[in-house]
PDB file of N, CA and C in Angstrom:
ATOM      1  N   MET A   1     -21.430  38.908  10.616  1.00  0.00           N
ATOM      2  CA  MET A   1     -20.824  37.872   9.798  1.00  0.00           C
ATOM      3  C   MET A   1     -20.060  38.496   8.626  1.00  0.00           C
ATOM      4  N   LEU A   2     -20.679  39.470   7.954  1.00  0.00           N
ATOM      5  CA  LEU A   2     -20.021  40.099   6.814  1.00  0.00           C
ATOM      6  C   LEU A   2     -18.769  40.844   7.257  1.00  0.00           C
ATOM      7  N   ARG A   3     -18.819  41.461   8.425  1.00  0.00           N
ATOM      8  CA  ARG A   3     -17.647  42.190   8.932  1.00  0.00           C
ATOM      9  C   ARG A   3     -16.482  41.225   9.157  1.00  0.00           C
ATOM     10  N   LYS A   4     -16.756  40.039   9.714  1.00  0.00           N
ATOM     11  CA  LYS A   4     -15.699  39.048   9.937  1.00  0.00           C
ATOM     12  C   LYS A   4     -15.150  38.548   8.610  1.00  0.00           C
ATOM     13  N   LEU A   5     -16.004  38.414   7.620  1.00  0.00           N
ATOM     14  CA  LEU A   5     -15.565  37.948   6.301  1.00  0.00           C
ATOM     15  C   LEU A   5     -14.648  38.970   5.640  1.00  0.00           C
ATOM     16  N   LEU A   6     -14.883  40.248   5.884  1.00  0.00           N
ATOM     17  CA  LEU A   6     -14.101  41.295   5.237  1.00  0.00           C
ATOM     18  C   LEU A   6     -12.899  41.758   6.055  1.00  0.00           C
ATOM     19  N   GLU A   7     -12.661  41.158   7.217  1.00  0.00           N
ATOM     20  CA  GLU A   7     -11.508  41.527   8.023  1.00  0.00           C
ATOM     21  C   GLU A   7     -10.220  41.233   7.274  1.00  0.00           C
ATOM     22  N   PRO A   8      -9.204  42.065   7.462  1.00  0.00           N
ATOM     23  CA  PRO A   8      -7.926  41.774   6.825  1.00  0.00           C
ATOM     24  C   PRO A   8      -7.319  40.515   7.425  1.00  0.00           C
ATOM     25  N   GLY A   9      -6.638  39.785   6.608  1.00  0.00           N
ATOM     26  CA  GLY A   9      -6.004  38.557   7.070  1.00  0.00           C
ATOM     27  C   GLY A   9      -5.591  37.712   5.886  1.00  0.00           C
ATOM     28  N   ASP A  10      -4.869  36.665   6.166  1.00  0.00           N
ATOM     29  CA  ASP A  10      -4.381  35.781   5.115  1.00  0.00           C
ATOM     30  C   ASP A  10      -5.329  34.613   4.920  1.00  0.00           C
ATOM     31  N   TRP A  11      -5.851  34.489   3.723  1.00  0.00           N
ATOM     32  CA  TRP A  11      -6.737  33.388   3.382  1.00  0.00           C
ATOM     33  C   TRP A  11      -6.020  32.355   2.517  1.00  0.00           C
ATOM     34  N   PHE A  12      -4.953  32.791   1.838  1.00  0.00           N
ATOM     35  CA  PHE A  12      -4.223  31.911   0.918  1.00  0.00           C
ATOM     36  C   PHE A  12      -2.733  31.967   1.236  1.00  0.00           C
ATOM     37  N   ALA A  13      -2.072  30.838   1.060  1.00  0.00           N
ATOM     38  CA  ALA A  13      -0.616  30.791   1.169  1.00  0.00           C
ATOM     39  C   ALA A  13      -0.037  31.220  -0.174  1.00  0.00           C
ATOM     40  N   PRO A  14       1.158  31.798  -0.166  1.00  0.00           N
ATOM     41  CA  PRO A  14       1.772  32.149  -1.452  1.00  0.00           C
ATOM     42  C   PRO A  14       2.272  30.899  -2.171  1.00  0.00           C
ATOM     43  N   LYS A  15       2.349  30.988  -3.482  1.00  0.00           N
ATOM     44  CA  LYS A  15       2.928  29.898  -4.249  1.00  0.00           C
ATOM     45  C   LYS A  15       4.438  29.870  -4.005  1.00  0.00           C
ATOM     46  N   ARG A  16       5.033  28.703  -4.040  1.00  0.00           N
ATOM     47  CA  ARG A  16       6.475  28.611  -3.867  1.00  0.00           C
ATOM     48  C   ARG A  16       7.198  29.057  -5.132  1.00  0.00           C
ATOM     49  N   TYR A  17       6.668  28.683  -6.283  1.00  0.00           N
ATOM     50  CA  TYR A  17       7.239  29.065  -7.571  1.00  0.00           C
ATOM     51  C   TYR A  17       6.168  29.762  -8.401  1.00  0.00           C
ATOM     52  N   GLY A  18       6.514  30.860  -9.025  1.00  0.00           N
ATOM     53  CA  GLY A  18       5.580  31.530  -9.910  1.00  0.00           C
ATOM     54  C   GLY A  18       4.869  32.694  -9.254  1.00  0.00           C
ATOM     55  N   TYR A  19       3.764  33.085  -9.872  1.00  0.00           N
ATOM     56  CA  TYR A  19       3.021  34.275  -9.483  1.00  0.00           C
ATOM     57  C   TYR A  19       1.633  33.875  -9.023  1.00  0.00           C
ATOM     58  N   GLY A  20       1.159  34.468  -7.956  1.00  0.00           N
ATOM     59  CA  GLY A  20      -0.214  34.235  -7.546  1.00  0.00           C
ATOM     60  C   GLY A  20      -0.337  33.578  -6.193  1.00  0.00           C
ATOM     61  N   ALA A  21      -1.525  33.037  -5.946  1.00  0.00           N
ATOM     62  CA  ALA A  21      -1.849  32.428  -4.660  1.00  0.00           C
ATOM     63  C   ALA A  21      -1.746  30.917  -4.754  1.00  0.00           C
ATOM     64  N   GLY A  22      -1.428  30.314  -3.620  1.00  0.00           N
ATOM     65  CA  GLY A  22      -1.419  28.862  -3.512  1.00  0.00           C
ATOM     66  C   GLY A  22      -2.747  28.374  -2.971  1.00  0.00           C
ATOM     67  N   ARG A  23      -2.679  27.370  -2.131  1.00  0.00           N
ATOM     68  CA  ARG A  23      -3.921  26.795  -1.597  1.00  0.00           C
ATOM     69  C   ARG A  23      -4.450  27.625  -0.433  1.00  0.00           C
ATOM     70  N   PRO A  24      -5.738  27.501  -0.137  1.00  0.00           N
ATOM     71  CA  PRO A  24      -6.320  28.245   0.982  1.00  0.00           C
ATOM     72  C   PRO A  24      -5.762  27.770   2.322  1.00  0.00           C
ATOM     73  N   ILE A  25      -5.601  28.714   3.250  1.00  0.00           N
ATOM     74  CA  ILE A  25      -5.129  28.383   4.591  1.00  0.00           C
ATOM     75  C   ILE A  25      -6.145  28.795   5.653  1.00  0.00           C
ATOM     76  N   ALA A  26      -7.254  29.349   5.254  1.00  0.00           N
ATOM     77  CA  ALA A  26      -8.313  29.760   6.189  1.00  0.00           C
ATOM     78  C   ALA A  26      -9.669  29.368   5.603  1.00  0.00           C
ATOM     79  N   TRP A  27     -10.669  29.322   6.455  1.00  0.00           N
ATOM     80  CA  TRP A  27     -11.991  28.923   5.988  1.00  0.00           C
ATOM     81  C   TRP A  27     -12.536  29.907   4.958  1.00  0.00           C
ATOM     82  N   GLN A  28     -12.134  31.174   5.058  1.00  0.00           N
ATOM     83  CA  GLN A  28     -12.625  32.160   4.100  1.00  0.00           C
ATOM     84  C   GLN A  28     -12.109  31.850   2.691  1.00  0.00           C
ATOM     85  N   GLY A  29     -10.871  31.371   2.590  1.00  0.00           N
ATOM     86  CA  GLY A  29     -10.325  30.992   1.288  1.00  0.00           C
ATOM     87  C   GLY A  29     -11.070  29.813   0.681  1.00  0.00           C
ATOM     88  N   TRP A  30     -11.356  28.818   1.520  1.00  0.00           N
ATOM     89  CA  TRP A  30     -12.126  27.669   1.034  1.00  0.00           C
ATOM     90  C   TRP A  30     -13.541  28.097   0.632  1.00  0.00           C
ATOM     91  N   ALA A  31     -14.145  28.980   1.410  1.00  0.00           N
ATOM     92  CA  ALA A  31     -15.487  29.466   1.077  1.00  0.00           C
ATOM     93  C   ALA A  31     -15.472  30.247  -0.235  1.00  0.00           C
ATOM     94  N   LEU A  32     -14.425  31.038  -0.458  1.00  0.00           N
ATOM     95  CA  LEU A  32     -14.307  31.785  -1.708  1.00  0.00           C
ATOM     96  C   LEU A  32     -14.192  30.839  -2.902  1.00  0.00           C
ATOM     97  N   LEU A  33     -13.376  29.793  -2.772  1.00  0.00           N
ATOM     98  CA  LEU A  33     -13.253  28.830  -3.868  1.00  0.00           C
ATOM     99  C   LEU A  33     -14.553  28.067  -4.108  1.00  0.00           C
ATOM    100  N   ALA A  34     -15.264  27.720  -3.028  1.00  0.00           N
ATOM    101  CA  ALA A  34     -16.545  27.035  -3.178  1.00  0.00           C
ATOM    102  C   ALA A  34     -17.570  27.938  -3.870  1.00  0.00           C
ATOM    103  N   ALA A  35     -17.610  29.212  -3.480  1.00  0.00           N
ATOM    104  CA  ALA A  35     -18.533  30.157  -4.115  1.00  0.00           C
ATOM    105  C   ALA A  35     -18.192  30.344  -5.589  1.00  0.00           C
ATOM    106  N   TYR A  36     -16.895  30.370  -5.908  1.00  0.00           N
ATOM    107  CA  TYR A  36     -16.465  30.491  -7.307  1.00  0.00           C
ATOM    108  C   TYR A  36     -16.926  29.273  -8.107  1.00  0.00           C
ATOM    109  N   GLY A  37     -16.744  28.091  -7.549  1.00  0.00           N
ATOM    110  CA  GLY A  37     -17.191  26.876  -8.226  1.00  0.00           C
ATOM    111  C   GLY A  37     -18.693  26.850  -8.434  1.00  0.00           C
ATOM    112  N   LEU A  38     -19.450  27.254  -7.422  1.00  0.00           N
ATOM    113  CA  LEU A  38     -20.906  27.307  -7.555  1.00  0.00           C
ATOM    114  C   LEU A  38     -21.333  28.346  -8.586  1.00  0.00           C
ATOM    115  N   ALA A  39     -20.637  29.474  -8.619  1.00  0.00           N
ATOM    116  CA  ALA A  39     -20.960  30.509  -9.607  1.00  0.00           C
ATOM    117  C   ALA A  39     -20.706  29.999 -11.018  1.00  0.00           C
ATOM    118  N   LEU A  40     -19.597  29.293 -11.216  1.00  0.00           N
ATOM    119  CA  LEU A  40     -19.305  28.746 -12.544  1.00  0.00           C
ATOM    120  C   LEU A  40     -20.316  27.676 -12.939  1.00  0.00           C
ATOM    121  N   ALA A  41     -20.720  26.851 -11.979  1.00  0.00           N
ATOM    122  CA  ALA A  41     -21.744  25.844 -12.273  1.00  0.00           C
ATOM    123  C   ALA A  41     -23.066  26.516 -12.640  1.00  0.00           C
ATOM    124  N   GLY A  42     -23.419  27.573 -11.924  1.00  0.00           N
ATOM    125  CA  GLY A  42     -24.643  28.312 -12.236  1.00  0.00           C
ATOM    126  C   GLY A  42     -24.590  28.964 -13.609  1.00  0.00           C
ATOM    127  N   ILE A  43     -23.451  29.515 -13.948  1.00  0.00           N
ATOM    128  CA  ILE A  43     -23.285  30.116 -15.276  1.00  0.00           C
ATOM    129  C   ILE A  43     -23.418  29.048 -16.343  1.00  0.00           C
ATOM    130  N   GLY A  44     -22.848  27.882 -16.093  1.00  0.00           N
ATOM    131  CA  GLY A  44     -22.965  26.782 -17.045  1.00  0.00           C
ATOM    132  C   GLY A  44     -24.404  26.333 -17.243  1.00  0.00           C
ATOM    133  N   LEU A  45     -25.160  26.293 -16.145  1.00  0.00           N
ATOM    134  CA  LEU A  45     -26.567  25.899 -16.259  1.00  0.00           C
ATOM    135  C   LEU A  45     -27.399  26.960 -16.977  1.00  0.00           C
ATOM    136  N   LEU A  46     -27.080  28.222 -16.747  1.00  0.00           N
ATOM    137  CA  LEU A  46     -27.834  29.299 -17.390  1.00  0.00           C
ATOM    138  C   LEU A  46     -27.508  29.432 -18.878  1.00  0.00           C
ATOM    139  N   SER A  47     -26.364  28.941 -19.287  1.00  0.00           N
ATOM    140  CA  SER A  47     -25.935  29.121 -20.680  1.00  0.00           C
ATOM    141  C   SER A  47     -26.296  27.938 -21.561  1.00  0.00           C
ATOM    142  N   ARG A  48     -27.229  27.138 -21.164  1.00  0.00           N
ATOM    143  CA  ARG A  48     -27.609  25.963 -21.953  1.00  0.00           C
ATOM    144  C   ARG A  48     -28.434  26.320 -23.182  1.00  0.00           C
ATOM    145  N   SER A  49     -28.780  27.555 -23.332  1.00  0.00           N
ATOM    146  CA  SER A  49     -29.553  27.992 -24.494  1.00  0.00           C
ATOM    147  C   SER A  49     -28.673  27.969 -25.739  1.00  0.00           C
ATOM    148  N   ASP A  50     -29.299  27.820 -26.894  1.00  0.00           N
ATOM    149  CA  ASP A  50     -28.552  27.748 -28.152  1.00  0.00           C
ATOM    150  C   ASP A  50     -28.318  29.109 -28.788  1.00  0.00           C
ATOM    151  N   THR A  51     -28.736  30.156 -28.153  1.00  0.00           N
ATOM    152  CA  THR A  51     -28.586  31.474 -28.767  1.00  0.00           C
ATOM    153  C   THR A  51     -27.193  32.034 -28.527  1.00  0.00           C
ATOM    154  N   GLY A  52     -26.756  32.853 -29.444  1.00  0.00           N
ATOM    155  CA  GLY A  52     -25.467  33.510 -29.300  1.00  0.00           C
ATOM    156  C   GLY A  52     -25.462  34.518 -28.171  1.00  0.00           C
ATOM    157  N   GLU A  53     -26.624  35.110 -27.915  1.00  0.00           N
ATOM    158  CA  GLU A  53     -26.730  36.082 -26.833  1.00  0.00           C
ATOM    159  C   GLU A  53     -26.454  35.425 -25.479  1.00  0.00           C
ATOM    160  N   ALA A  54     -26.955  34.206 -25.276  1.00  0.00           N
ATOM    161  CA  ALA A  54     -26.719  33.490 -24.024  1.00  0.00           C
ATOM    162  C   ALA A  54     -25.238  33.169 -23.862  1.00  0.00           C
ATOM    163  N   LEU A  55     -24.572  32.839 -24.955  1.00  0.00           N
ATOM    164  CA  LEU A  55     -23.136  32.551 -24.902  1.00  0.00           C
ATOM    165  C   LEU A  55     -22.350  33.801 -24.517  1.00  0.00           C
ATOM    166  N   LEU A  56     -22.705  34.937 -25.111  1.00  0.00           N
ATOM    167  CA  LEU A  56     -22.011  36.180 -24.774  1.00  0.00           C
ATOM    168  C   LEU A  56     -22.233  36.578 -23.321  1.00  0.00           C
ATOM    169  N   LYS A  57     -23.452  36.410 -22.827  1.00  0.00           N
ATOM    170  CA  LYS A  57     -23.734  36.699 -21.421  1.00  0.00           C
ATOM    171  C   LYS A  57     -22.939  35.778 -20.513  1.00  0.00           C
ATOM    172  N   SER A  58     -22.835  34.517 -20.883  1.00  0.00           N
ATOM    173  CA  SER A  58     -22.078  33.560 -20.070  1.00  0.00           C
ATOM    174  C   SER A  58     -20.601  33.911 -20.029  1.00  0.00           C
ATOM    175  N   ILE A  59     -20.039  34.299 -21.160  1.00  0.00           N
ATOM    176  CA  ILE A  59     -18.635  34.690 -21.206  1.00  0.00           C
ATOM    177  C   ILE A  59     -18.407  35.930 -20.351  1.00  0.00           C
ATOM    178  N   GLY A  60     -19.309  36.889 -20.428  1.00  0.00           N
ATOM    179  CA  GLY A  60     -19.199  38.097 -19.613  1.00  0.00           C
ATOM    180  C   GLY A  60     -19.282  37.800 -18.124  1.00  0.00           C
ATOM    181  N   LEU A  61     -20.231  36.946 -17.733  1.00  0.00           N
ATOM    182  CA  LEU A  61     -20.359  36.581 -16.324  1.00  0.00           C
ATOM    183  C   LEU A  61     -19.139  35.814 -15.839  1.00  0.00           C
ATOM    184  N   PHE A  62     -18.631  34.913 -16.674  1.00  0.00           N
ATOM    185  CA  PHE A  62     -17.425  34.159 -16.322  1.00  0.00           C
ATOM    186  C   PHE A  62     -16.253  35.109 -16.072  1.00  0.00           C
ATOM    187  N   ALA A  63     -16.074  36.080 -16.970  1.00  0.00           N
ATOM    188  CA  ALA A  63     -14.982  37.046 -16.818  1.00  0.00           C
ATOM    189  C   ALA A  63     -15.164  37.871 -15.541  1.00  0.00           C
ATOM    190  N   LEU A  64     -16.370  38.324 -15.271  1.00  0.00           N
ATOM    191  CA  LEU A  64     -16.641  39.131 -14.083  1.00  0.00           C
ATOM    192  C   LEU A  64     -16.369  38.353 -12.803  1.00  0.00           C
ATOM    193  N   VAL A  65     -16.847  37.121 -12.724  1.00  0.00           N
ATOM    194  CA  VAL A  65     -16.654  36.297 -11.531  1.00  0.00           C
ATOM    195  C   VAL A  65     -15.172  35.978 -11.332  1.00  0.00           C
ATOM    196  N   THR A  66     -14.459  35.705 -12.418  1.00  0.00           N
ATOM    197  CA  THR A  66     -13.028  35.396 -12.324  1.00  0.00           C
ATOM    198  C   THR A  66     -12.231  36.614 -11.886  1.00  0.00           C
ATOM    199  N   ILE A  67     -12.555  37.780 -12.405  1.00  0.00           N
ATOM    200  CA  ILE A  67     -11.864  39.006 -11.990  1.00  0.00           C
ATOM    201  C   ILE A  67     -12.106  39.275 -10.508  1.00  0.00           C
ATOM    202  N   CYS A  68     -13.314  39.059 -10.039  1.00  0.00           N
ATOM    203  CA  CYS A  68     -13.612  39.239  -8.611  1.00  0.00           C
ATOM    204  C   CYS A  68     -12.797  38.264  -7.759  1.00  0.00           C
ATOM    205  N   LEU A  69     -12.710  37.009  -8.190  1.00  0.00           N
ATOM    206  CA  LEU A  69     -11.925  36.022  -7.453  1.00  0.00           C
ATOM    207  C   LEU A  69     -10.461  36.437  -7.383  1.00  0.00           C
ATOM    208  N   ILE A  70      -9.896  36.851  -8.495  1.00  0.00           N
ATOM    209  CA  ILE A  70      -8.489  37.256  -8.529  1.00  0.00           C
ATOM    210  C   ILE A  70      -8.258  38.466  -7.626  1.00  0.00           C
ATOM    211  N   PHE A  71      -9.155  39.447  -7.669  1.00  0.00           N
ATOM    212  CA  PHE A  71      -9.016  40.644  -6.834  1.00  0.00           C
ATOM    213  C   PHE A  71      -9.030  40.293  -5.350  1.00  0.00           C
ATOM    214  N   ILE A  72      -9.992  39.487  -4.943  1.00  0.00           N
ATOM    215  CA  ILE A  72     -10.103  39.131  -3.530  1.00  0.00           C
ATOM    216  C   ILE A  72      -8.917  38.274  -3.095  1.00  0.00           C
ATOM    217  N   ALA A  73      -8.543  37.293  -3.907  1.00  0.00           N
ATOM    218  CA  ALA A  73      -7.427  36.412  -3.546  1.00  0.00           C
ATOM    219  C   ALA A  73      -6.113  37.180  -3.463  1.00  0.00           C
ATOM    220  N   SER A  74      -5.923  38.149  -4.347  1.00  0.00           N
ATOM    221  CA  SER A  74      -4.667  38.899  -4.322  1.00  0.00           C
ATOM    222  C   SER A  74      -4.557  39.763  -3.065  1.00  0.00           C
ATOM    223  N   ARG A  75      -5.665  40.229  -2.545  1.00  0.00           N
ATOM    224  CA  ARG A  75      -5.641  41.062  -1.341  1.00  0.00           C
ATOM    225  C   ARG A  75      -5.493  40.233  -0.068  1.00  0.00           C
ATOM    226  N   HIS A  76      -5.766  38.930  -0.141  1.00  0.00           N
ATOM    227  CA  HIS A  76      -5.741  38.078   1.049  1.00  0.00           C
ATOM    228  C   HIS A  76      -4.716  36.955   0.947  1.00  0.00           C
ATOM    229  N   THR A  77      -3.667  37.143   0.180  1.00  0.00           N
ATOM    230  CA  THR A  77      -2.582  36.166   0.093  1.00  0.00           C
ATOM    231  C   THR A  77      -1.429  36.639   0.966  1.00  0.00           C
ATOM    232  N   ARG A  78      -0.916  35.740   1.775  1.00  0.00           N
ATOM    233  CA  ARG A  78       0.201  36.073   2.669  1.00  0.00           C
ATOM    234  C   ARG A  78       1.394  36.558   1.844  1.00  0.00           C
ATOM    235  N   GLY A  79       1.828  37.780   2.085  1.00  0.00           N
ATOM    236  CA  GLY A  79       2.960  38.336   1.357  1.00  0.00           C
ATOM    237  C   GLY A  79       2.597  38.952   0.015  1.00  0.00           C
ATOM    238  N   GLY A  80       1.340  38.935  -0.358  1.00  0.00           N
ATOM    239  CA  GLY A  80       0.912  39.519  -1.621  1.00  0.00           C
ATOM    240  C   GLY A  80       1.295  38.673  -2.830  1.00  0.00           C
ATOM    241  N   TRP A  81       0.904  39.138  -3.979  1.00  0.00           N
ATOM    242  CA  TRP A  81       1.224  38.431  -5.221  1.00  0.00           C
ATOM    243  C   TRP A  81       2.483  39.032  -5.812  1.00  0.00           C
ATOM    244  N   ARG A  82       3.475  38.220  -6.008  1.00  0.00           N
ATOM    245  CA  ARG A  82       4.699  38.602  -6.692  1.00  0.00           C
ATOM    246  C   ARG A  82       5.342  37.326  -7.209  1.00  0.00           C
ATOM    247  N   TRP A  83       6.311  37.476  -8.078  1.00  0.00           N
ATOM    248  CA  TRP A  83       6.988  36.320  -8.619  1.00  0.00           C
ATOM    249  C   TRP A  83       7.892  35.715  -7.549  1.00  0.00           C
ATOM    250  N   ARG A  84       7.818  34.416  -7.391  1.00  0.00           N
ATOM    251  CA  ARG A  84       8.636  33.720  -6.395  1.00  0.00           C
ATOM    252  C   ARG A  84       9.494  32.659  -7.079  1.00  0.00           C
ATOM    253  N   TRP A  85      10.710  32.506  -6.586  1.00  0.00           N
ATOM    254  CA  TRP A  85      11.666  31.564  -7.169  1.00  0.00           C
ATOM    255  C   TRP A  85      11.921  30.375  -6.265  1.00  0.00           C
ATOM    256  N   GLY A  86      11.104  30.120  -5.302  1.00  0.00           N
ATOM    257  CA  GLY A  86      11.281  28.960  -4.451  1.00  0.00           C
ATOM    258  C   GLY A  86      11.992  29.297  -3.169  1.00  0.00           C
ATOM    259  N   GLU A  87      13.018  28.550  -2.847  1.00  0.00           N
ATOM    260  CA  GLU A  87      13.705  28.666  -1.565  1.00  0.00           C
ATOM    261  C   GLU A  87      14.465  29.983  -1.417  1.00  0.00           C
ATOM    262  N   ARG A  88      14.766  30.668  -2.489  1.00  0.00           N
ATOM    263  CA  ARG A  88      15.544  31.912  -2.402  1.00  0.00           C
ATOM    264  C   ARG A  88      14.733  33.055  -1.806  1.00  0.00           C
ATOM    265  N   ASP A  89      13.426  32.958  -1.765  1.00  0.00           N
ATOM    266  CA  ASP A  89      12.582  34.054  -1.247  1.00  0.00           C
ATOM    267  C   ASP A  89      12.422  33.964   0.244  1.00  0.00           C
TER     268      ASP A  89
END
């Protein structure tokens, strides 16, 4: 299962305008977005403490999870991430 998940392929369509990935086009892309949402919800639940330390840990976890999402999405976007101007590309 893990080998199939890590196979090269396109999980996201490119954006028509701008930089980055568009919507998912494969089940792996949808699964990645669902896992990201669950991770953010979990971080939110864990950060309910009133201490500053919990807030700093939550910010760090949020940054780590977001960087992982961006890295994976950029490697699995059709045509890669680059600036697009719409129909001219």
